[in-house]
Amino acid sequence: MMGTLTASLWFFREAFLKPTFTGQSKLKSYVIKSAIGFLIWFAGLMAWILIYQKYRASWGELGDKISFVIPLGEP
């Protein structure tokens, strides 16, 4: 996930701010796709974290089995 963000940030200047060069349009497309990929993964991860934090206790045994560290008490 961080690789896509790093690639987007690293190549942004080359893709969008430098004078036009051969292959720049392909580089732009890769930078945009990499940024979109990062946003999708980030949104999915945040959704899972929020759902897990809110509902883990109500999942009973399954919530305990998928926990690395079992929190004490109810949220």
Protein backbone atom coordinates (compact mmCIF):
# COMPACT_ATOMS: atom_id res chain seq x y z
CA MET A 1 0.00 0.00 0.00
CA MET A 2 2.72 2.48 0.91
CA GLY A 3 4.53 1.63 -2.31
CA THR A 4 1.73 3.15 -4.36
CA LEU A 5 1.75 6.33 -2.30
CA THR A 6 5.53 6.57 -2.48
CA ALA A 7 5.50 6.08 -6.25
CA SER A 8 2.83 8.74 -6.70
CA LEU A 9 4.72 11.28 -4.63
CA TRP A 10 8.15 10.42 -6.01
CA PHE A 11 7.18 10.72 -9.68
CA PHE A 12 4.62 13.55 -9.40
CA ARG A 13 7.12 16.27 -10.28
CA GLU A 14 8.44 14.34 -13.30
CA ALA A 15 4.95 13.57 -14.54
CA PHE A 16 3.24 16.94 -14.07
CA LEU A 17 5.75 19.75 -13.48
CA LYS A 18 8.67 19.05 -15.83
CA PRO A 19 8.70 20.17 -19.47
CA THR A 20 7.16 17.68 -21.88
CA PHE A 21 9.30 14.66 -22.77
CA THR A 22 8.80 11.34 -24.52
CA GLY A 23 6.85 8.96 -22.33
CA GLN A 24 5.52 11.64 -19.99
CA SER A 25 1.90 10.82 -20.79
CA LYS A 26 2.50 7.18 -19.85
CA LEU A 27 4.21 8.29 -16.63
CA LYS A 28 1.24 10.56 -15.83
CA SER A 29 -1.12 7.64 -16.26
CA TYR A 30 0.98 5.47 -13.92
CA VAL A 31 1.14 8.21 -11.28
CA ILE A 32 -2.63 8.72 -11.42
CA LYS A 33 -3.34 4.97 -11.27
CA SER A 34 -0.92 4.60 -8.38
CA ALA A 35 -2.62 7.40 -6.44
CA ILE A 36 -6.06 5.91 -7.12
CA GLY A 37 -4.82 2.50 -5.97
CA PHE A 38 -3.52 4.01 -2.76
CA LEU A 39 -6.82 5.79 -2.09
CA ILE A 40 -8.81 2.59 -2.64
CA TRP A 41 -6.58 0.56 -0.31
CA PHE A 42 -6.56 3.34 2.30
CA ALA A 43 -10.36 3.66 2.23
CA GLY A 44 -10.77 -0.10 2.54
CA LEU A 45 -8.33 -0.31 5.42
CA MET A 46 -9.98 2.58 7.26
CA ALA A 47 -13.42 1.03 6.76
CA TRP A 48 -12.21 -2.29 8.16
CA ILE A 49 -10.54 -0.62 11.15
CA LEU A 50 -13.68 1.36 11.99
CA ILE A 51 -15.99 -1.65 11.62
CA TYR A 52 -13.67 -3.89 13.61
CA GLN A 53 -13.23 -1.39 16.45
CA LYS A 54 -16.96 -0.78 16.72
CA TYR A 55 -18.28 -4.35 16.42
CA ARG A 56 -15.48 -6.67 17.60
CA ALA A 57 -17.03 -7.27 21.02
CA SER A 58 -20.41 -8.20 19.53
CA TRP A 59 -18.82 -10.79 17.22
CA GLY A 60 -18.16 -13.05 20.19
CA GLU A 61 -15.71 -15.90 19.57
CA LEU A 62 -14.97 -14.83 15.99
CA GLY A 63 -13.95 -11.38 17.21
CA ASP A 64 -11.59 -13.00 19.70
CA LYS A 65 -10.12 -15.40 17.14
CA ILE A 66 -9.19 -12.65 14.69
CA SER A 67 -7.70 -10.45 17.42
CA PHE A 68 -3.97 -10.39 17.95
CA VAL A 69 -4.39 -8.76 21.34
CA ILE A 70 -7.76 -9.23 22.99
CA PRO A 71 -8.92 -5.95 24.59
CA LEU A 72 -10.47 -6.21 28.03
CA GLY A 73 -14.10 -5.27 28.61
CA GLU A 74 -16.75 -3.83 26.34
CA PRO A 75 -16.16 -0.81 24.08
